[in-house]
N, C-alpha and C. Protein backbone atom coordinates (compact mmCIF):
# COMPACT_ATOMS: atom_id res chain seq x y z
N MET A 1 40.06 -14.12 27.50
CA MET A 1 40.09 -15.40 28.51
C MET A 1 41.15 -15.24 29.95
N LEU A 2 42.18 -14.87 29.34
CA LEU A 2 43.67 -14.73 30.38
C LEU A 2 43.05 -13.92 31.22
N ARG A 3 42.79 -12.80 31.26
CA ARG A 3 42.44 -11.78 32.04
C ARG A 3 41.10 -12.10 32.93
N GLU A 4 40.41 -12.65 32.76
CA GLU A 4 39.13 -13.30 33.53
C GLU A 4 40.17 -14.18 34.46
N ARG A 5 40.40 -14.90 34.04
CA ARG A 5 41.53 -16.12 35.05
C ARG A 5 42.08 -15.27 36.05
N LEU A 6 42.93 -14.68 35.52
CA LEU A 6 43.83 -14.06 36.41
C LEU A 6 42.96 -12.42 37.78
N LYS A 7 41.64 -12.19 37.75
CA LYS A 7 40.91 -10.66 38.22
C LYS A 7 41.25 -11.78 39.83
N ASP A 8 41.54 -12.59 40.28
CA ASP A 8 41.55 -12.88 42.04
C ASP A 8 43.36 -13.10 41.96
N GLY A 9 43.80 -12.30 41.28
CA GLY A 9 45.30 -12.26 41.98
C GLY A 9 46.63 -13.55 41.09
N GLY A 10 45.18 -14.65 40.32
CA GLY A 10 46.19 -15.82 39.35
C GLY A 10 45.82 -16.60 40.58
N LYS A 11 45.68 -16.53 41.46
CA LYS A 11 45.81 -17.64 42.60
C LYS A 11 45.20 -19.30 41.91
N ASP A 12 43.58 -18.86 41.81
CA ASP A 12 43.18 -19.76 40.50
C ASP A 12 43.87 -20.56 39.64
N ALA A 13 44.67 -19.66 39.03
CA ALA A 13 45.04 -19.82 38.06
C ALA A 13 46.42 -21.00 37.72
N GLY A 14 47.12 -21.00 39.03
CA GLY A 14 48.58 -21.27 39.18
C GLY A 14 49.49 -20.34 38.86
N VAL A 15 49.01 -19.06 38.63
CA VAL A 15 50.19 -17.61 38.46
C VAL A 15 50.51 -16.60 39.35
N ALA A 16 52.08 -17.01 39.46
CA ALA A 16 52.32 -15.55 40.50
C ALA A 16 51.47 -14.50 40.91
N GLU A 17 51.15 -13.68 42.09
CA GLU A 17 50.73 -12.69 42.22
C GLU A 17 51.11 -12.05 41.03
N GLN A 18 52.86 -11.40 41.17
CA GLN A 18 53.36 -10.66 40.74
C GLN A 18 53.09 -11.09 38.84
N VAL A 19 52.87 -11.69 38.45
CA VAL A 19 53.43 -12.16 37.35
C VAL A 19 51.50 -11.73 36.50
N SER A 20 50.58 -12.04 37.34
CA SER A 20 49.16 -11.91 37.58
C SER A 20 48.99 -10.28 37.21
N HIS A 21 49.40 -9.41 37.90
CA HIS A 21 49.83 -8.29 38.29
C HIS A 21 50.18 -8.37 36.88
N VAL A 22 51.42 -7.84 36.19
CA VAL A 22 51.56 -7.20 35.25
C VAL A 22 50.79 -7.54 33.95
N ILE A 23 50.74 -9.57 33.85
CA ILE A 23 49.51 -9.31 32.89
C ILE A 23 48.31 -8.75 32.58
N ARG A 24 47.87 -8.14 33.78
CA ARG A 24 46.83 -7.85 34.28
C ARG A 24 46.60 -5.66 33.40
N LYS A 25 48.23 -5.55 33.80
CA LYS A 25 48.38 -3.93 32.81
C LYS A 25 48.03 -3.99 31.45
N GLY A 26 48.62 -5.32 31.20
CA GLY A 26 48.24 -5.62 29.42
C GLY A 26 49.73 -5.82 28.44
N PHE A 27 49.32 -6.29 27.77
CA PHE A 27 49.82 -8.04 26.76
C PHE A 27 49.98 -8.18 25.93
N ARG A 28 50.86 -8.19 25.20
CA ARG A 28 50.69 -8.38 23.38
C ARG A 28 51.44 -9.60 22.90
N VAL A 29 50.98 -10.46 22.49
CA VAL A 29 50.98 -11.92 21.64
C VAL A 29 51.93 -11.16 20.25
N PHE A 30 53.13 -12.25 20.30
CA PHE A 30 54.26 -12.09 19.42
C PHE A 30 54.10 -13.49 18.32
N VAL A 31 53.89 -13.19 17.38
CA VAL A 31 53.46 -14.46 16.27
C VAL A 31 54.28 -13.95 14.69
N ASN A 32 55.35 -15.91 15.02
CA ASN A 32 56.44 -15.72 13.13
C ASN A 32 56.89 -14.49 12.99
N GLU A 33 56.69 -13.26 12.55
CA GLU A 33 57.73 -12.70 11.92
C GLU A 33 57.88 -11.71 13.37
N GLU A 34 57.25 -11.37 14.18
CA GLU A 34 56.96 -10.36 15.10
C GLU A 34 58.01 -11.06 16.59
N ILE A 35 58.23 -12.52 16.59
CA ILE A 35 59.15 -12.40 17.18
C ILE A 35 60.39 -12.97 17.50
N ILE A 36 60.50 -12.90 15.81
CA ILE A 36 61.47 -12.87 15.44
C ILE A 36 62.13 -11.85 15.06
N GLU A 37 61.48 -10.20 14.98
CA GLU A 37 62.49 -9.40 14.99
C GLU A 37 62.58 -8.69 16.77
N VAL A 38 62.28 -9.36 17.58
CA VAL A 38 62.24 -9.62 18.99
C VAL A 38 63.62 -10.30 18.90
N TYR A 39 63.76 -11.12 19.02
CA TYR A 39 64.43 -11.83 19.04
C TYR A 39 65.78 -11.53 18.47
N GLU A 40 65.69 -10.89 17.77
CA GLU A 40 67.10 -11.19 17.12
C GLU A 40 67.63 -8.92 17.10
N ARG A 41 66.76 -8.35 17.77
CA ARG A 41 67.31 -6.81 18.66
C ARG A 41 67.24 -7.22 19.59
N ASN A 42 67.46 -8.37 20.72
CA ASN A 42 67.42 -7.69 22.29
C ASN A 42 68.47 -9.13 22.50
N GLY A 43 69.43 -8.89 22.43
CA GLY A 43 70.01 -10.78 22.83
C GLY A 43 69.88 -11.65 23.88
N GLU A 44 69.75 -10.60 25.14
CA GLU A 44 69.11 -11.82 26.85
C GLU A 44 67.89 -12.01 26.06
N PHE A 45 67.37 -11.77 25.82
CA PHE A 45 65.66 -12.44 25.91
C PHE A 45 66.26 -13.65 24.51
N ALA A 46 66.89 -13.80 23.59
CA ALA A 46 67.31 -14.20 22.77
C ALA A 46 67.95 -15.34 23.31
N GLY A 47 68.83 -16.04 24.07
CA GLY A 47 69.32 -16.19 24.85
C GLY A 47 68.01 -17.04 25.87
N PHE A 48 67.65 -16.53 26.71
CA PHE A 48 66.35 -16.72 27.63
C PHE A 48 65.42 -17.17 26.82
N LEU A 49 64.85 -17.39 25.71
CA LEU A 49 64.02 -18.08 24.65
C LEU A 49 64.51 -19.09 24.20
N THR A 50 65.41 -19.54 23.36
CA THR A 50 66.57 -20.10 23.49
C THR A 50 66.83 -21.45 24.17
N GLU A 51 66.92 -21.00 25.55
CA GLU A 51 66.99 -22.16 26.34
C GLU A 51 65.57 -22.12 27.55
N PHE A 52 65.38 -21.69 27.03
CA PHE A 52 63.54 -22.36 27.36
C PHE A 52 62.99 -23.23 26.31
N ILE A 53 63.25 -22.56 25.01
CA ILE A 53 62.73 -23.85 23.90
C ILE A 53 63.12 -24.86 23.55
N SER A 54 64.77 -25.14 24.29
CA SER A 54 65.71 -26.02 23.70
C SER A 54 65.82 -27.37 24.29
N SER A 55 66.06 -26.93 25.94
CA SER A 55 66.83 -27.40 27.04
C SER A 55 65.87 -28.02 28.38
N LYS A 56 66.30 -28.48 29.18
CA LYS A 56 66.04 -29.43 29.89
C LYS A 56 66.45 -28.15 31.38
N PRO A 57 65.35 -27.87 32.36
CA PRO A 57 65.75 -27.35 33.69
C PRO A 57 67.07 -27.40 34.27
N LYS A 58 67.88 -26.90 34.12
CA LYS A 58 69.21 -26.80 34.88
C LYS A 58 68.90 -27.90 36.15
N TRP A 59 68.01 -27.55 37.38
CA TRP A 59 68.35 -29.16 38.11
C TRP A 59 68.46 -30.21 37.49
N LEU A 60 67.64 -30.71 36.51
CA LEU A 60 67.74 -31.99 35.78
C LEU A 60 68.32 -32.08 35.29
N GLU A 61 69.39 -30.50 35.08
CA GLU A 61 70.91 -31.70 33.55
C GLU A 61 71.77 -32.31 34.34
N ALA A 62 71.57 -30.69 36.11
CA ALA A 62 72.32 -31.51 37.07
C ALA A 62 72.75 -32.94 37.26
N ALA A 63 71.04 -33.11 37.09
CA ALA A 63 71.30 -34.65 38.06
C ALA A 63 71.56 -35.54 37.23
N GLU A 64 71.45 -35.28 35.66
CA GLU A 64 72.06 -36.16 35.04
C GLU A 64 73.35 -36.51 34.57
N GLY A 65 73.65 -35.61 35.17
CA GLY A 65 75.56 -35.31 34.63
C GLY A 65 76.40 -35.70 35.80
């Protein structure tokens, strides 16, 4: 379904064209223990994922502070 929605470059799905292009080339969905392995091996990814899941956007935090 995702590939089908991105055939037009992602315009109708609200996805940036570059992101759409990368997804169309191929992707893999990690679940449960699979993502934990990636998280533990890749500090940069771990930092990104932790912030993404646990925090508000930086612009919103700045407005409250």
